[in-house]
Amino acid sequence: MTTFVITVPGTFTSAITDAERAALERQLSPQHTDVSESEGVNLLTVNEDGTFAVRLEVESADRYEAKLDATRLVSAALREVGIAESDAALAPPAVTGMDSDL
């Protein structure tokens, strides 16, 4: 297994509150561990225009599955904090780092 740092970009189509942002970060924090923290990677970046990027780590055998897992995790976290799918359009994820024992 390989640890991948995946960036999932998106756009909030309505304003996100500070409380929603904090709740989202709490939901995703278990996926922000050694690799991303040691590289100084921010878990969640929200820009003034509503665009955002979530960077998290997933363990997977390959890049494709890692991207799918990351998108599922972000979607679930958004739902959990009460942000509707229509209020947070996700774009295709990208591999932005990896750590492997190979």
PDB file of N, CA and C in Angstrom:
ATOM      1  N   MET A   1       0.839  -1.183   0.000  1.00  0.00           N
ATOM      2  CA  MET A   1       0.000   0.000   0.000  1.00  0.00           C
ATOM      3  C   MET A   1       0.884   1.246   0.000  1.00  0.00           C
ATOM      4  N   THR A   2       0.350   2.258  -0.608  1.00  0.00           N
ATOM      5  CA  THR A   2       1.038   3.538  -0.713  1.00  0.00           C
ATOM      6  C   THR A   2       0.158   4.614  -0.095  1.00  0.00           C
ATOM      7  N   THR A   3       0.793   5.574   0.567  1.00  0.00           N
ATOM      8  CA  THR A   3       0.071   6.730   1.080  1.00  0.00           C
ATOM      9  C   THR A   3       0.115   7.809   0.014  1.00  0.00           C
ATOM     10  N   PHE A   4      -1.056   8.244  -0.421  1.00  0.00           N
ATOM     11  CA  PHE A   4      -1.169   9.304  -1.419  1.00  0.00           C
ATOM     12  C   PHE A   4      -1.726  10.560  -0.758  1.00  0.00           C
ATOM     13  N   VAL A   5      -1.165  11.707  -1.112  1.00  0.00           N
ATOM     14  CA  VAL A   5      -1.771  12.983  -0.760  1.00  0.00           C
ATOM     15  C   VAL A   5      -2.566  13.401  -1.990  1.00  0.00           C
ATOM     16  N   ILE A   6      -3.866  13.539  -1.800  1.00  0.00           N
ATOM     17  CA  ILE A   6      -4.773  13.854  -2.898  1.00  0.00           C
ATOM     18  C   ILE A   6      -5.368  15.240  -2.660  1.00  0.00           C
ATOM     19  N   THR A   7      -5.390  16.056  -3.701  1.00  0.00           N
ATOM     20  CA  THR A   7      -6.049  17.351  -3.634  1.00  0.00           C
ATOM     21  C   THR A   7      -7.370  17.241  -4.375  1.00  0.00           C
ATOM     22  N   VAL A   8      -8.444  17.573  -3.647  1.00  0.00           N
ATOM     23  CA  VAL A   8      -9.781  17.585  -4.230  1.00  0.00           C
ATOM     24  C   VAL A   8     -10.223  19.045  -4.293  1.00  0.00           C
ATOM     25  N   PRO A   9     -10.231  19.647  -5.486  1.00  0.00           N
ATOM     26  CA  PRO A   9     -10.673  21.034  -5.617  1.00  0.00           C
ATOM     27  C   PRO A   9     -12.190  21.123  -5.760  1.00  0.00           C
ATOM     28  N   GLY A  10     -12.700  22.298  -5.520  1.00  0.00           N
ATOM     29  CA  GLY A  10     -14.130  22.500  -5.683  1.00  0.00           C
ATOM     30  C   GLY A  10     -14.486  23.963  -5.574  1.00  0.00           C
ATOM     31  N   THR A  11     -15.782  24.217  -5.644  1.00  0.00           N
ATOM     32  CA  THR A  11     -16.300  25.576  -5.524  1.00  0.00           C
ATOM     33  C   THR A  11     -17.546  25.556  -4.657  1.00  0.00           C
ATOM     34  N   PHE A  12     -17.538  26.396  -3.626  1.00  0.00           N
ATOM     35  CA  PHE A  12     -18.746  26.592  -2.837  1.00  0.00           C
ATOM     36  C   PHE A  12     -19.632  27.549  -3.614  1.00  0.00           C
ATOM     37  N   THR A  13     -20.835  27.112  -3.932  1.00  0.00           N
ATOM     38  CA  THR A  13     -21.748  27.955  -4.708  1.00  0.00           C
ATOM     39  C   THR A  13     -22.581  28.862  -3.809  1.00  0.00           C
ATOM     40  N   SER A  14     -22.483  28.645  -2.505  1.00  0.00           N
ATOM     41  CA  SER A  14     -23.068  29.565  -1.535  1.00  0.00           C
ATOM     42  C   SER A  14     -22.039  29.724  -0.414  1.00  0.00           C
ATOM     43  N   ALA A  15     -22.171  30.793   0.332  1.00  0.00           N
ATOM     44  CA  ALA A  15     -21.175  31.102   1.364  1.00  0.00           C
ATOM     45  C   ALA A  15     -21.103  29.985   2.411  1.00  0.00           C
ATOM     46  N   ILE A  16     -19.896  29.730   2.873  1.00  0.00           N
ATOM     47  CA  ILE A  16     -19.668  28.759   3.935  1.00  0.00           C
ATOM     48  C   ILE A  16     -19.380  29.539   5.212  1.00  0.00           C
ATOM     49  N   THR A  17     -20.002  29.139   6.305  1.00  0.00           N
ATOM     50  CA  THR A  17     -19.794  29.830   7.576  1.00  0.00           C
ATOM     51  C   THR A  17     -18.503  29.352   8.228  1.00  0.00           C
ATOM     52  N   ASP A  18     -18.022  30.124   9.190  1.00  0.00           N
ATOM     53  CA  ASP A  18     -16.840  29.711   9.936  1.00  0.00           C
ATOM     54  C   ASP A  18     -17.095  28.403  10.676  1.00  0.00           C
ATOM     55  N   ALA A  19     -18.310  28.248  11.201  1.00  0.00           N
ATOM     56  CA  ALA A  19     -18.662  27.015  11.911  1.00  0.00           C
ATOM     57  C   ALA A  19     -18.656  25.809  10.962  1.00  0.00           C
ATOM     58  N   GLU A  20     -19.177  25.981   9.745  1.00  0.00           N
ATOM     59  CA  GLU A  20     -19.167  24.891   8.760  1.00  0.00           C
ATOM     60  C   GLU A  20     -17.740  24.544   8.360  1.00  0.00           C
ATOM     61  N   ARG A  21     -16.934  25.556   8.186  1.00  0.00           N
ATOM     62  CA  ARG A  21     -15.535  25.323   7.818  1.00  0.00           C
ATOM     63  C   ARG A  21     -14.809  24.551   8.918  1.00  0.00           C
ATOM     64  N   ALA A  22     -15.005  24.971  10.170  1.00  0.00           N
ATOM     65  CA  ALA A  22     -14.361  24.284  11.292  1.00  0.00           C
ATOM     66  C   ALA A  22     -14.853  22.842  11.399  1.00  0.00           C
ATOM     67  N   ALA A  23     -16.150  22.635  11.211  1.00  0.00           N
ATOM     68  CA  ALA A  23     -16.715  21.285  11.271  1.00  0.00           C
ATOM     69  C   ALA A  23     -16.161  20.412  10.147  1.00  0.00           C
ATOM     70  N   LEU A  24     -16.010  20.983   8.967  1.00  0.00           N
ATOM     71  CA  LEU A  24     -15.456  20.249   7.828  1.00  0.00           C
ATOM     72  C   LEU A  24     -14.011  19.845   8.114  1.00  0.00           C
ATOM     73  N   GLU A  25     -13.237  20.763   8.655  1.00  0.00           N
ATOM     74  CA  GLU A  25     -11.848  20.441   8.998  1.00  0.00           C
ATOM     75  C   GLU A  25     -11.781  19.337  10.050  1.00  0.00           C
ATOM     76  N   ARG A  26     -12.679  19.366  11.038  1.00  0.00           N
ATOM     77  CA  ARG A  26     -12.708  18.308  12.059  1.00  0.00           C
ATOM     78  C   ARG A  26     -13.049  16.959  11.429  1.00  0.00           C
ATOM     79  N   GLN A  27     -14.003  16.951  10.509  1.00  0.00           N
ATOM     80  CA  GLN A  27     -14.401  15.709   9.845  1.00  0.00           C
ATOM     81  C   GLN A  27     -13.244  15.104   9.046  1.00  0.00           C
ATOM     82  N   LEU A  28     -12.457  15.964   8.427  1.00  0.00           N
ATOM     83  CA  LEU A  28     -11.388  15.492   7.546  1.00  0.00           C
ATOM     84  C   LEU A  28     -10.045  15.312   8.249  1.00  0.00           C
ATOM     85  N   SER A  29      -9.908  15.813   9.463  1.00  0.00           N
ATOM     86  CA  SER A  29      -8.604  15.804  10.138  1.00  0.00           C
ATOM     87  C   SER A  29      -7.960  14.428  10.284  1.00  0.00           C
ATOM     88  N   PRO A  30      -8.716  13.326  10.442  1.00  0.00           N
ATOM     89  CA  PRO A  30      -8.036  12.028  10.508  1.00  0.00           C
ATOM     90  C   PRO A  30      -7.291  11.664   9.217  1.00  0.00           C
ATOM     91  N   GLN A  31      -7.614  12.321   8.119  1.00  0.00           N
ATOM     92  CA  GLN A  31      -6.961  12.042   6.837  1.00  0.00           C
ATOM     93  C   GLN A  31      -5.792  12.991   6.570  1.00  0.00           C
ATOM     94  N   HIS A  32      -5.423  13.769   7.561  1.00  0.00           N
ATOM     95  CA  HIS A  32      -4.330  14.741   7.428  1.00  0.00           C
ATOM     96  C   HIS A  32      -3.280  14.354   8.457  1.00  0.00           C
ATOM     97  N   THR A  33      -2.329  13.519   8.051  1.00  0.00           N
ATOM     98  CA  THR A  33      -1.402  12.943   9.018  1.00  0.00           C
ATOM     99  C   THR A  33       0.043  13.206   8.635  1.00  0.00           C
ATOM    100  N   ASP A  34       0.902  12.262   8.907  1.00  0.00           N
ATOM    101  CA  ASP A  34       2.352  12.448   8.827  1.00  0.00           C
ATOM    102  C   ASP A  34       2.870  13.067   7.533  1.00  0.00           C
ATOM    103  N   VAL A  35       2.495  12.520   6.393  1.00  0.00           N
ATOM    104  CA  VAL A  35       3.066  12.994   5.125  1.00  0.00           C
ATOM    105  C   VAL A  35       2.680  14.446   4.876  1.00  0.00           C
ATOM    106  N   SER A  36       1.395  14.752   4.926  1.00  0.00           N
ATOM    107  CA  SER A  36       0.953  16.113   4.616  1.00  0.00           C
ATOM    108  C   SER A  36       1.390  17.102   5.694  1.00  0.00           C
ATOM    109  N   GLU A  37       1.353  16.718   6.957  1.00  0.00           N
ATOM    110  CA  GLU A  37       1.776  17.629   8.019  1.00  0.00           C
ATOM    111  C   GLU A  37       3.270  17.916   7.947  1.00  0.00           C
ATOM    112  N   SER A  38       4.079  16.909   7.656  1.00  0.00           N
ATOM    113  CA  SER A  38       5.522  17.128   7.585  1.00  0.00           C
ATOM    114  C   SER A  38       5.903  18.012   6.404  1.00  0.00           C
ATOM    115  N   GLU A  39       5.064  18.038   5.381  1.00  0.00           N
ATOM    116  CA  GLU A  39       5.319  18.889   4.220  1.00  0.00           C
ATOM    117  C   GLU A  39       4.657  20.264   4.351  1.00  0.00           C
ATOM    118  N   GLY A  40       3.962  20.497   5.457  1.00  0.00           N
ATOM    119  CA  GLY A  40       3.319  21.789   5.673  1.00  0.00           C
ATOM    120  C   GLY A  40       2.113  22.027   4.784  1.00  0.00           C
ATOM    121  N   VAL A  41       1.427  20.963   4.411  1.00  0.00           N
ATOM    122  CA  VAL A  41       0.273  21.054   3.522  1.00  0.00           C
ATOM    123  C   VAL A  41      -0.969  21.407   4.342  1.00  0.00           C
ATOM    124  N   ASN A  42      -1.706  22.422   3.908  1.00  0.00           N
ATOM    125  CA  ASN A  42      -2.961  22.787   4.572  1.00  0.00           C
ATOM    126  C   ASN A  42      -4.047  21.790   4.213  1.00  0.00           C
ATOM    127  N   LEU A  43      -4.840  21.402   5.203  1.00  0.00           N
ATOM    128  CA  LEU A  43      -5.936  20.471   4.977  1.00  0.00           C
ATOM    129  C   LEU A  43      -7.015  21.081   4.093  1.00  0.00           C
ATOM    130  N   LEU A  44      -7.404  22.316   4.399  1.00  0.00           N
ATOM    131  CA  LEU A  44      -8.477  22.982   3.655  1.00  0.00           C
ATOM    132  C   LEU A  44      -8.073  24.416   3.375  1.00  0.00           C
ATOM    133  N   THR A  45      -8.166  24.805   2.133  1.00  0.00           N
ATOM    134  CA  THR A  45      -7.944  26.192   1.725  1.00  0.00           C
ATOM    135  C   THR A  45      -9.214  26.673   1.046  1.00  0.00           C
ATOM    136  N   VAL A  46      -9.736  27.795   1.532  1.00  0.00           N
ATOM    137  CA  VAL A  46     -10.926  28.393   0.930  1.00  0.00           C
ATOM    138  C   VAL A  46     -10.549  29.797   0.479  1.00  0.00           C
ATOM    139  N   ASN A  47     -10.764  30.085  -0.797  1.00  0.00           N
ATOM    140  CA  ASN A  47     -10.441  31.388  -1.366  1.00  0.00           C
ATOM    141  C   ASN A  47     -11.647  32.317  -1.316  1.00  0.00           C
ATOM    142  N   GLU A  48     -11.407  33.601  -1.465  1.00  0.00           N
ATOM    143  CA  GLU A  48     -12.471  34.599  -1.402  1.00  0.00           C
ATOM    144  C   GLU A  48     -13.552  34.385  -2.456  1.00  0.00           C
ATOM    145  N   ASP A  49     -13.195  33.796  -3.587  1.00  0.00           N
ATOM    146  CA  ASP A  49     -14.177  33.588  -4.659  1.00  0.00           C
ATOM    147  C   ASP A  49     -14.990  32.302  -4.485  1.00  0.00           C
ATOM    148  N   GLY A  50     -14.797  31.607  -3.364  1.00  0.00           N
ATOM    149  CA  GLY A  50     -15.556  30.388  -3.083  1.00  0.00           C
ATOM    150  C   GLY A  50     -14.883  29.114  -3.542  1.00  0.00           C
ATOM    151  N   THR A  51     -13.791  29.226  -4.279  1.00  0.00           N
ATOM    152  CA  THR A  51     -13.073  28.014  -4.667  1.00  0.00           C
ATOM    153  C   THR A  51     -12.358  27.470  -3.433  1.00  0.00           C
ATOM    154  N   PHE A  52     -12.167  26.169  -3.424  1.00  0.00           N
ATOM    155  CA  PHE A  52     -11.493  25.556  -2.283  1.00  0.00           C
ATOM    156  C   PHE A  52     -10.681  24.357  -2.740  1.00  0.00           C
ATOM    157  N   ALA A  53      -9.796  23.922  -1.860  1.00  0.00           N
ATOM    158  CA  ALA A  53      -9.015  22.711  -2.099  1.00  0.00           C
ATOM    159  C   ALA A  53      -8.883  21.967  -0.775  1.00  0.00           C
ATOM    160  N   VAL A  54      -9.188  20.682  -0.821  1.00  0.00           N
ATOM    161  CA  VAL A  54      -9.005  19.810   0.325  1.00  0.00           C
ATOM    162  C   VAL A  54      -7.837  18.896  -0.014  1.00  0.00           C
ATOM    163  N   ARG A  55      -6.875  18.823   0.884  1.00  0.00           N
ATOM    164  CA  ARG A  55      -5.716  17.951   0.683  1.00  0.00           C
ATOM    165  C   ARG A  55      -5.708  16.923   1.802  1.00  0.00           C
ATOM    166  N   LEU A  56      -5.816  15.664   1.426  1.00  0.00           N
ATOM    167  CA  LEU A  56      -5.838  14.627   2.441  1.00  0.00           C
ATOM    168  C   LEU A  56      -5.073  13.403   1.992  1.00  0.00           C
ATOM    169  N   GLU A  57      -4.801  12.552   2.959  1.00  0.00           N
ATOM    170  CA  GLU A  57      -4.046  11.340   2.687  1.00  0.00           C
ATOM    171  C   GLU A  57      -4.962  10.134   2.658  1.00  0.00           C
ATOM    172  N   VAL A  58      -4.700   9.258   1.730  1.00  0.00           N
ATOM    173  CA  VAL A  58      -5.402   7.979   1.670  1.00  0.00           C
ATOM    174  C   VAL A  58      -4.398   6.871   1.387  1.00  0.00           C
ATOM    175  N   GLU A  59      -4.655   5.720   1.961  1.00  0.00           N
ATOM    176  CA  GLU A  59      -3.852   4.528   1.701  1.00  0.00           C
ATOM    177  C   GLU A  59      -4.524   3.771   0.575  1.00  0.00           C
ATOM    178  N   SER A  60      -3.764   3.452  -0.458  1.00  0.00           N
ATOM    179  CA  SER A  60      -4.348   2.743  -1.581  1.00  0.00           C
ATOM    180  C   SER A  60      -3.254   2.018  -2.353  1.00  0.00           C
ATOM    181  N   ALA A  61      -3.680   1.050  -3.139  1.00  0.00           N
ATOM    182  CA  ALA A  61      -2.749   0.294  -3.972  1.00  0.00           C
ATOM    183  C   ALA A  61      -2.334   1.076  -5.213  1.00  0.00           C
ATOM    184  N   ASP A  62      -3.211   2.016  -5.668  1.00  0.00           N
ATOM    185  CA  ASP A  62      -2.872   2.767  -6.873  1.00  0.00           C
ATOM    186  C   ASP A  62      -3.517   4.155  -6.848  1.00  0.00           C
ATOM    187  N   ARG A  63      -3.080   4.996  -7.780  1.00  0.00           N
ATOM    188  CA  ARG A  63      -3.552   6.383  -7.858  1.00  0.00           C
ATOM    189  C   ARG A  63      -5.046   6.487  -8.125  1.00  0.00           C
ATOM    190  N   TYR A  64      -5.551   5.652  -9.002  1.00  0.00           N
ATOM    191  CA  TYR A  64      -6.959   5.703  -9.373  1.00  0.00           C
ATOM    192  C   TYR A  64      -7.852   5.499  -8.152  1.00  0.00           C
ATOM    193  N   GLU A  65      -7.588   4.438  -7.398  1.00  0.00           N
ATOM    194  CA  GLU A  65      -8.382   4.158  -6.203  1.00  0.00           C
ATOM    195  C   GLU A  65      -8.193   5.247  -5.149  1.00  0.00           C
ATOM    196  N   ALA A  66      -6.982   5.784  -5.046  1.00  0.00           N
ATOM    197  CA  ALA A  66      -6.723   6.856  -4.084  1.00  0.00           C
ATOM    198  C   ALA A  66      -7.583   8.083  -4.396  1.00  0.00           C
ATOM    199  N   LYS A  67      -7.686   8.431  -5.669  1.00  0.00           N
ATOM    200  CA  LYS A  67      -8.517   9.577  -6.068  1.00  0.00           C
ATOM    201  C   LYS A  67      -9.986   9.328  -5.762  1.00  0.00           C
ATOM    202  N   LEU A  68     -10.466   8.123  -6.061  1.00  0.00           N
ATOM    203  CA  LEU A  68     -11.858   7.776  -5.767  1.00  0.00           C
ATOM    204  C   LEU A  68     -12.134   7.842  -4.266  1.00  0.00           C
ATOM    205  N   ASP A  69     -11.227   7.278  -3.477  1.00  0.00           N
ATOM    206  CA  ASP A  69     -11.398   7.288  -2.023  1.00  0.00           C
ATOM    207  C   ASP A  69     -11.421   8.711  -1.473  1.00  0.00           C
ATOM    208  N   ALA A  70     -10.522   9.550  -1.969  1.00  0.00           N
ATOM    209  CA  ALA A  70     -10.458  10.934  -1.495  1.00  0.00           C
ATOM    210  C   ALA A  70     -11.745  11.683  -1.825  1.00  0.00           C
ATOM    211  N   THR A  71     -12.257  11.494  -3.022  1.00  0.00           N
ATOM    212  CA  THR A  71     -13.500  12.166  -3.415  1.00  0.00           C
ATOM    213  C   THR A  71     -14.658  11.693  -2.548  1.00  0.00           C
ATOM    214  N   ARG A  72     -14.706  10.394  -2.268  1.00  0.00           N
ATOM    215  CA  ARG A  72     -15.755   9.861  -1.391  1.00  0.00           C
ATOM    216  C   ARG A  72     -15.658  10.444   0.011  1.00  0.00           C
ATOM    217  N   LEU A  73     -14.440  10.563   0.533  1.00  0.00           N
ATOM    218  CA  LEU A  73     -14.242  11.114   1.873  1.00  0.00           C
ATOM    219  C   LEU A  73     -14.684  12.577   1.949  1.00  0.00           C
ATOM    220  N   VAL A  74     -14.331  13.359   0.950  1.00  0.00           N
ATOM    221  CA  VAL A  74     -14.711  14.776   0.941  1.00  0.00           C
ATOM    222  C   VAL A  74     -16.223  14.908   0.810  1.00  0.00           C
ATOM    223  N   SER A  75     -16.817  14.148  -0.086  1.00  0.00           N
ATOM    224  CA  SER A  75     -18.280  14.195  -0.261  1.00  0.00           C
ATOM    225  C   SER A  75     -18.998  13.834   1.028  1.00  0.00           C
ATOM    226  N   ALA A  76     -18.544  12.795   1.693  1.00  0.00           N
ATOM    227  CA  ALA A  76     -19.171  12.360   2.946  1.00  0.00           C
ATOM    228  C   ALA A  76     -19.003  13.415   4.032  1.00  0.00           C
ATOM    229  N   ALA A  77     -17.834  14.032   4.115  1.00  0.00           N
ATOM    230  CA  ALA A  77     -17.594  15.067   5.125  1.00  0.00           C
ATOM    231  C   ALA A  77     -18.481  16.282   4.877  1.00  0.00           C
ATOM    232  N   LEU A  78     -18.634  16.665   3.635  1.00  0.00           N
ATOM    233  CA  LEU A  78     -19.519  17.790   3.306  1.00  0.00           C
ATOM    234  C   LEU A  78     -20.955  17.486   3.736  1.00  0.00           C
ATOM    235  N   ARG A  79     -21.429  16.297   3.413  1.00  0.00           N
ATOM    236  CA  ARG A  79     -22.790  15.906   3.818  1.00  0.00           C
ATOM    237  C   ARG A  79     -22.930  15.902   5.336  1.00  0.00           C
ATOM    238  N   GLU A  80     -21.927  15.367   6.009  1.00  0.00           N
ATOM    239  CA  GLU A  80     -21.965  15.246   7.471  1.00  0.00           C
ATOM    240  C   GLU A  80     -22.097  16.605   8.163  1.00  0.00           C
ATOM    241  N   VAL A  81     -21.467  17.632   7.594  1.00  0.00           N
ATOM    242  CA  VAL A  81     -21.549  18.967   8.214  1.00  0.00           C
ATOM    243  C   VAL A  81     -22.727  19.775   7.684  1.00  0.00           C
ATOM    244  N   GLY A  82     -23.528  19.178   6.813  1.00  0.00           N
ATOM    245  CA  GLY A  82     -24.736  19.839   6.346  1.00  0.00           C
ATOM    246  C   GLY A  82     -24.586  20.698   5.111  1.00  0.00           C
ATOM    247  N   ILE A  83     -23.520  20.498   4.362  1.00  0.00           N
ATOM    248  CA  ILE A  83     -23.324  21.235   3.115  1.00  0.00           C
ATOM    249  C   ILE A  83     -23.821  20.351   1.972  1.00  0.00           C
ATOM    250  N   ALA A  84     -24.859  20.816   1.291  1.00  0.00           N
ATOM    251  CA  ALA A  84     -25.461  20.040   0.207  1.00  0.00           C
ATOM    252  C   ALA A  84     -24.503  19.893  -0.965  1.00  0.00           C
ATOM    253  N   GLU A  85     -24.640  18.785  -1.674  1.00  0.00           N
ATOM    254  CA  GLU A  85     -23.814  18.526  -2.850  1.00  0.00           C
ATOM    255  C   GLU A  85     -23.911  19.666  -3.862  1.00  0.00           C
ATOM    256  N   SER A  86     -25.098  20.246  -3.993  1.00  0.00           N
ATOM    257  CA  SER A  86     -25.290  21.348  -4.936  1.00  0.00           C
ATOM    258  C   SER A  86     -24.619  22.640  -4.480  1.00  0.00           C
ATOM    259  N   ASP A  87     -24.238  22.722  -3.211  1.00  0.00           N
ATOM    260  CA  ASP A  87     -23.563  23.918  -2.684  1.00  0.00           C
ATOM    261  C   ASP A  87     -22.044  23.797  -2.667  1.00  0.00           C
ATOM    262  N   ALA A  88     -21.524  22.638  -3.087  1.00  0.00           N
ATOM    263  CA  ALA A  88     -20.072  22.428  -3.097  1.00  0.00           C
ATOM    264  C   ALA A  88     -19.720  21.521  -4.269  1.00  0.00           C
ATOM    265  N   ALA A  89     -19.584  22.112  -5.436  1.00  0.00           N
ATOM    266  CA  ALA A  89     -19.251  21.348  -6.639  1.00  0.00           C
ATOM    267  C   ALA A  89     -17.791  20.906  -6.581  1.00  0.00           C
ATOM    268  N   LEU A  90     -17.567  19.606  -6.692  1.00  0.00           N
ATOM    269  CA  LEU A  90     -16.205  19.065  -6.668  1.00  0.00           C
ATOM    270  C   LEU A  90     -15.672  18.907  -8.085  1.00  0.00           C
ATOM    271  N   ALA A  91     -14.379  19.172  -8.236  1.00  0.00           N
ATOM    272  CA  ALA A  91     -13.695  18.994  -9.518  1.00  0.00           C
ATOM    273  C   ALA A  91     -12.858  17.714  -9.430  1.00  0.00           C
ATOM    274  N   PRO A  92     -12.292  17.270 -10.533  1.00  0.00           N
ATOM    275  CA  PRO A  92     -11.484  16.049 -10.505  1.00  0.00           C
ATOM    276  C   PRO A  92     -10.289  16.176  -9.551  1.00  0.00           C
ATOM    277  N   PRO A  93     -10.041  15.140  -8.753  1.00  0.00           N
ATOM    278  CA  PRO A  93      -8.930  15.157  -7.806  1.00  0.00           C
ATOM    279  C   PRO A  93      -7.593  14.955  -8.515  1.00  0.00           C
ATOM    280  N   ALA A  94      -6.536  15.325  -7.805  1.00  0.00           N
ATOM    281  CA  ALA A  94      -5.185  15.161  -8.344  1.00  0.00           C
ATOM    282  C   ALA A  94      -4.261  14.603  -7.266  1.00  0.00           C
ATOM    283  N   VAL A  95      -3.332  13.757  -7.669  1.00  0.00           N
ATOM    284  CA  VAL A  95      -2.305  13.261  -6.753  1.00  0.00           C
ATOM    285  C   VAL A  95      -1.262  14.365  -6.614  1.00  0.00           C
ATOM    286  N   THR A  96      -1.041  14.796  -5.374  1.00  0.00           N
ATOM    287  CA  THR A  96      -0.067  15.865  -5.148  1.00  0.00           C
ATOM    288  C   THR A  96       1.098  15.425  -4.293  1.00  0.00           C
ATOM    289  N   GLY A  97       1.107  14.152  -3.906  1.00  0.00           N
ATOM    290  CA  GLY A  97       2.216  13.601  -3.146  1.00  0.00           C
ATOM    291  C   GLY A  97       2.002  12.137  -2.886  1.00  0.00           C
ATOM    292  N   MET A  98       3.082  11.454  -2.550  1.00  0.00           N
ATOM    293  CA  MET A  98       2.969  10.033  -2.208  1.00  0.00           C
ATOM    294  C   MET A  98       4.153   9.606  -1.383  1.00  0.00           C
ATOM    295  N   ASP A  99       3.926   8.563  -0.586  1.00  0.00           N
ATOM    296  CA  ASP A  99       4.956   7.993   0.260  1.00  0.00           C
ATOM    297  C   ASP A  99       4.804   6.483   0.179  1.00  0.00           C
ATOM    298  N   SER A 100       5.855   5.813  -0.229  1.00  0.00           N
ATOM    299  CA  SER A 100       5.787   4.365  -0.398  1.00  0.00           C
ATOM    300  C   SER A 100       7.037   3.726   0.160  1.00  0.00           C
ATOM    301  N   ASP A 101       6.893   2.487   0.610  1.00  0.00           N
ATOM    302  CA  ASP A 101       8.037   1.736   1.103  1.00  0.00           C
ATOM    303  C   ASP A 101       8.835   1.099  -0.023  1.00  0.00           C
ATOM    304  N   LEU A 102       8.381   1.269  -1.253  1.00  0.00           N
ATOM    305  CA  LEU A 102       9.047   0.639  -2.397  1.00  0.00           C
ATOM    306  C   LEU A 102      10.379   1.269  -2.669  1.00  0.00           C
TER     307      LEU A 102
END
